[in-house]
Protein backbone atom coordinates (compact mmCIF):
# COMPACT_ATOMS: atom_id res chain seq x y z
CA UNK A 1 70.22 152.87 -118.26
CA UNK A 2 70.01 150.33 -121.08
CA UNK A 3 68.69 151.90 -124.26
CA UNK A 4 67.45 150.36 -127.50
CA UNK A 5 67.66 152.63 -130.56
CA UNK A 6 65.63 151.65 -133.62
CA UNK A 7 67.19 152.85 -136.88
CA UNK A 8 66.45 152.53 -140.57
CA UNK A 9 68.57 151.96 -143.66
CA UNK A 10 67.30 154.30 -146.38
CA UNK A 11 68.23 155.00 -150.02
CA UNK A 12 70.75 157.81 -150.34
CA UNK A 13 68.92 161.03 -151.24
CA UNK A 14 71.65 161.85 -153.77
CA UNK A 15 71.28 158.51 -155.55
CA UNK A 16 68.92 157.67 -158.40
CA UNK A 17 66.07 156.33 -156.28
CA UNK A 18 63.36 154.23 -157.89
CA UNK A 19 60.86 151.41 -157.41
CA UNK A 20 61.15 147.73 -158.26
CA UNK A 21 59.27 147.08 -161.49
CA UNK A 22 58.27 143.60 -160.29
CA UNK A 23 56.14 144.67 -157.31
CA UNK A 24 56.29 148.50 -157.13
CA UNK A 25 58.18 148.49 -153.82
CA UNK A 26 61.04 150.89 -153.07
CA UNK A 27 64.32 149.58 -154.43
CA UNK A 28 66.53 149.20 -151.35
CA UNK A 29 69.03 146.79 -152.88
CA UNK A 30 70.00 148.26 -156.24
CA UNK A 31 70.72 151.74 -154.90
CA UNK A 32 73.26 153.13 -152.45
CA UNK A 33 71.89 153.48 -148.93
CA UNK A 34 72.87 154.71 -145.49
CA UNK A 35 71.70 155.23 -141.92
CA UNK A 36 68.74 157.62 -141.97
CA UNK A 37 70.00 161.06 -140.96
CA UNK A 38 67.10 161.58 -138.56
CA UNK A 39 68.05 158.34 -136.78
CA UNK A 40 71.57 159.64 -136.20
CA UNK A 41 70.05 162.14 -133.77
CA UNK A 42 68.37 159.26 -131.90
CA UNK A 43 71.69 157.43 -131.61
CA UNK A 44 73.37 160.62 -130.39
CA UNK A 45 70.79 161.24 -127.66
CA UNK A 46 71.02 157.63 -126.48
CA UNK A 47 74.81 157.86 -126.28
CA UNK A 48 74.64 161.11 -124.33
CA UNK A 49 72.21 159.62 -121.80
CA UNK A 50 74.41 156.56 -121.25
CA UNK A 51 77.60 158.60 -121.09
CA UNK A 52 76.11 160.76 -118.33
CA UNK A 53 75.45 157.67 -116.20
CA UNK A 54 75.88 154.02 -117.00
CA UNK A 55 74.38 151.32 -119.20
CA UNK A 56 74.64 150.41 -122.87
CA UNK A 57 73.09 151.20 -126.22
CA UNK A 58 71.75 148.47 -128.51
CA UNK A 59 70.80 149.38 -132.07
CA UNK A 60 68.09 147.48 -133.97
CA UNK A 61 67.13 147.67 -137.64
CA UNK A 62 64.82 145.85 -140.05
CA UNK A 63 65.80 145.45 -143.69
CA UNK A 64 67.69 143.58 -146.41
CA UNK A 65 71.30 142.45 -146.13
CA UNK A 66 72.55 145.95 -146.96
CA UNK A 67 70.73 147.36 -143.92
CA UNK A 68 73.54 146.07 -141.70
CA UNK A 69 75.43 149.21 -142.79
CA UNK A 70 73.02 151.34 -140.75
CA UNK A 71 73.74 149.35 -137.59
CA UNK A 72 77.48 149.39 -138.20
CA UNK A 73 77.41 153.17 -138.57
CA UNK A 74 75.70 153.43 -135.17
CA UNK A 75 78.28 151.07 -133.66
CA UNK A 76 81.03 153.29 -135.07
CA UNK A 77 79.39 156.29 -133.41
CA UNK A 78 79.63 154.50 -130.05
CA UNK A 79 76.69 152.10 -129.64
CA UNK A 80 77.56 148.86 -127.84
CA UNK A 81 75.56 146.16 -129.64
CA UNK A 82 73.70 145.67 -132.90
CA UNK A 83 70.74 143.56 -134.04
CA UNK A 84 69.69 143.19 -137.68
CA UNK A 85 66.28 141.67 -138.36
CA UNK A 86 66.60 140.15 -141.83
CA UNK A 87 64.41 137.63 -143.63
CA UNK A 88 63.27 137.34 -147.25
CA UNK A 89 59.64 137.29 -146.10
CA UNK A 90 59.96 140.84 -144.71
CA UNK A 91 60.24 142.42 -148.16
CA UNK A 92 57.43 144.90 -148.78
CA UNK A 93 56.40 145.24 -145.12
CA UNK A 94 54.47 148.36 -144.14
CA UNK A 95 54.64 150.38 -140.91
CA UNK A 96 52.32 147.99 -139.07
CA UNK A 97 54.48 144.97 -139.85
CA UNK A 98 57.67 146.87 -139.14
CA UNK A 99 56.39 147.92 -135.73
CA UNK A 100 55.52 144.28 -134.98
CA UNK A 101 59.04 143.12 -135.84
CA UNK A 102 60.68 145.87 -133.81
CA UNK A 103 58.43 145.27 -130.80
CA UNK A 104 59.14 141.53 -130.78
CA UNK A 105 62.87 142.20 -131.05
CA UNK A 106 62.79 144.76 -128.22
CA UNK A 107 61.01 142.24 -125.98
CA UNK A 108 64.06 139.99 -126.29
CA UNK A 109 66.40 142.74 -125.10
CA UNK A 110 67.16 144.28 -121.71
CA UNK A 111 65.99 147.89 -121.93
CA UNK A 112 64.85 150.87 -119.90
CA UNK A 113 64.27 153.22 -122.82
CA UNK A 114 63.51 152.84 -126.55
CA UNK A 115 64.57 155.71 -128.82
CA UNK A 116 63.58 156.59 -132.39
CA UNK A 117 64.23 159.42 -134.80
CA UNK A 118 61.16 161.54 -135.51
CA UNK A 119 60.59 159.84 -138.90
CA UNK A 120 62.47 158.14 -141.71
CA UNK A 121 63.97 160.22 -144.49
CA UNK A 122 62.47 157.98 -147.18
CA UNK A 123 58.92 157.38 -145.93
CA UNK A 124 58.54 160.32 -143.56
CA UNK A 125 55.50 158.78 -141.81
CA UNK A 126 56.65 159.17 -138.21
CA UNK A 127 54.09 156.71 -136.81
CA UNK A 128 56.30 153.68 -136.08
CA UNK A 129 57.45 154.94 -132.62
CA UNK A 130 53.89 155.21 -131.32
CA UNK A 131 52.91 151.90 -132.92
CA UNK A 132 55.82 150.17 -131.17
CA UNK A 133 54.86 151.86 -127.89
CA UNK A 134 51.31 150.53 -128.26
CA UNK A 135 52.57 146.99 -128.91
CA UNK A 136 54.87 147.15 -125.88
CA UNK A 137 52.24 148.77 -123.65
CA UNK A 138 54.53 151.74 -122.95
CA UNK A 139 53.96 155.50 -122.91
CA UNK A 140 55.22 157.37 -125.98
CA UNK A 141 57.03 160.68 -125.51
CA UNK A 142 57.51 161.97 -129.04
CA UNK A 143 59.09 164.79 -131.05
CA UNK A 144 61.53 165.85 -128.38
CA UNK A 145 63.70 168.77 -129.44
CA UNK A 146 65.49 168.88 -126.08
CA UNK A 147 65.92 165.82 -123.86
CA UNK A 148 66.86 165.60 -120.19
CA UNK A 149 67.31 162.28 -118.40
CA UNK A 150 67.37 161.88 -114.62
CA UNK A 151 67.59 158.21 -113.85
CA UNK A 152 64.50 156.61 -115.37
CA UNK A 153 62.73 159.98 -115.67
CA UNK A 154 62.71 161.62 -119.09
CA UNK A 155 61.78 165.25 -119.76
CA UNK A 156 61.44 166.67 -123.26
CA UNK A 157 60.70 170.03 -124.80
CA UNK A 158 58.38 169.76 -127.78
CA UNK A 159 58.29 172.80 -130.04
CA UNK A 160 55.08 173.31 -132.02
CA UNK A 161 53.93 176.00 -134.41
CA UNK A 162 52.09 177.99 -131.73
CA UNK A 163 53.41 176.69 -128.40
CA UNK A 164 56.20 174.86 -126.62
CA UNK A 165 55.35 171.94 -124.34
CA UNK A 166 57.37 170.34 -121.55
CA UNK A 167 56.55 166.67 -121.10
CA UNK A 168 57.73 164.37 -118.33
CA UNK A 169 57.46 160.59 -118.06
CA UNK A 170 59.00 157.73 -116.14
CA UNK A 171 60.57 154.76 -117.88
CA UNK A 172 60.39 152.36 -119.40
CA UNK A 173 59.02 154.36 -122.31
CA UNK A 174 59.37 155.07 -126.04
CA UNK A 175 61.02 158.35 -127.01
CA UNK A 176 61.38 160.01 -130.41
CA UNK A 177 63.65 162.98 -131.05
CA UNK A 178 63.80 165.66 -133.72
CA UNK A 179 66.73 167.02 -135.68
CA UNK A 180 66.86 169.92 -133.19
CA UNK A 181 67.88 167.65 -130.32
CA UNK A 182 71.61 168.03 -130.95
CA UNK A 183 74.11 167.48 -133.73
CA UNK A 184 75.12 163.85 -134.16
CA UNK A 185 78.78 162.97 -133.75
CA UNK A 186 80.97 161.64 -136.55
CA UNK A 187 82.58 158.22 -136.09
CA UNK A 188 86.23 158.54 -135.09
CA UNK A 189 88.95 156.25 -136.39
CA UNK A 190 89.06 154.63 -132.96
CA UNK A 191 85.30 154.14 -133.05
CA UNK A 192 85.42 152.62 -136.53
CA UNK A 193 88.05 150.09 -135.47
CA UNK A 194 86.29 149.29 -132.19
CA UNK A 195 82.97 148.67 -133.99
CA UNK A 196 84.45 145.64 -135.75
CA UNK A 197 84.66 143.78 -132.42
CA UNK A 198 81.27 144.72 -131.02
CA UNK A 199 78.45 142.13 -130.76
CA UNK A 200 76.29 142.02 -133.88
CA UNK A 201 73.43 139.54 -134.30
CA UNK A 202 71.07 138.71 -137.17
CA UNK A 203 67.58 137.59 -136.23
CA UNK A 204 65.05 135.95 -138.53
CA UNK A 205 61.27 135.75 -138.23
CA UNK A 206 61.68 132.40 -136.51
CA UNK A 207 63.94 133.97 -133.90
CA UNK A 208 61.20 136.52 -133.15
CA UNK A 209 58.33 134.04 -133.24
CA UNK A 210 56.61 135.99 -136.03
CA UNK A 211 54.75 134.14 -138.79
CA UNK A 212 55.56 135.12 -142.37
CA UNK A 213 51.84 135.77 -143.02
CA UNK A 214 52.02 138.76 -140.64
CA UNK A 215 54.64 140.65 -142.65
CA UNK A 216 55.63 141.34 -146.22
CA UNK A 217 53.81 142.89 -149.16
CA UNK A 218 50.84 140.53 -149.01
CA UNK A 219 50.11 141.63 -145.43
CA UNK A 220 50.58 145.34 -146.14
CA UNK A 221 47.56 147.62 -145.72
CA UNK A 222 48.54 149.70 -148.74
CA UNK A 223 50.41 149.04 -151.97
CA UNK A 224 51.75 151.22 -154.79
CA UNK A 225 49.46 150.58 -157.76
CA UNK A 226 51.79 152.12 -160.36
CA UNK A 227 54.64 154.55 -160.80
CA UNK A 228 56.09 156.63 -163.60
CA UNK A 229 59.71 157.81 -163.66
CA UNK A 230 60.12 161.55 -163.44
CA UNK A 231 60.69 162.97 -166.96
CA UNK A 232 64.11 164.49 -167.62
CA UNK A 233 64.37 168.20 -167.01
CA UNK A 234 63.92 170.24 -170.16
CA UNK A 235 66.40 172.87 -171.23
CA UNK A 236 65.55 176.35 -170.06
CA UNK A 237 64.62 179.21 -172.34
CA UNK A 238 67.40 181.71 -173.06
CA UNK A 239 66.31 185.30 -173.66
CA UNK A 240 68.73 187.72 -175.28
CA UNK A 241 68.34 191.16 -173.80
CA UNK A 242 68.11 193.65 -176.63
CA UNK A 243 66.68 196.38 -174.50
CA UNK A 244 63.40 194.58 -173.99
CA UNK A 245 64.58 191.91 -171.51
CA UNK A 246 62.41 193.29 -168.74
CA UNK A 247 59.31 193.16 -170.93
CA UNK A 248 60.01 189.58 -171.98
CA UNK A 249 60.54 188.57 -168.34
CA UNK A 250 57.21 190.07 -167.29
CA UNK A 251 55.46 188.43 -170.24
CA UNK A 252 56.91 185.06 -169.26
CA UNK A 253 55.90 185.45 -165.61
CA UNK A 254 52.39 186.48 -166.69
CA UNK A 255 52.11 183.44 -169.01
CA UNK A 256 52.97 181.18 -166.06
CA UNK A 257 50.46 183.09 -163.88
CA UNK A 258 53.16 184.24 -161.42
CA UNK A 259 52.04 187.85 -161.84
């Protein structure tokens, strides 16, 4: 089974994340980034499916030059090929434009299954998998916490708040997995060295046949009107217990309407 995994390069959660002052878009260049943790689970499930049979895993991402790091991480984990969609006109694209770019890229690849993480760790929307499925005319089997593959047949367990569902579908299809689907592997030294020789392509809008007017900030359905940096945390109040510490604590909690 040939599998395409769509991944995202996101700002590191431990870094000082911010917006660009010029257009209020997320700064993805001036901050450290990495492969979205939720997408690591998608790569892992794709690798497990291929390892249980045959085929290959191709990883696709959309983003600035730095986004190649997300693909290379997936190649180090064991994916076979990488595609990076990069073009200056893509800057500021929303979910609709991103799904268009991914769908057009997937059409150029040989695939039986398309896999996503359940959402991105920066945006958290979780709608791109179903939007790509709609553009490709494929069924979407989403939020799988347990995945079983039997040839082109995919079965997932979806755990909800009040019930657990078992869903079956035949490929080709779009699948998204949750962080409960199985711990993602760490790249080994052998995998890191092997990744350097694996096929890696960069595709532009022209390569996909997408016009610049269809993507970017000007084509986005929503924009950030303004932003204000979070104020620095103020120093806490120190209370010296002189026998009345409990009273002072209750008074403080009452003033904050906790009690």
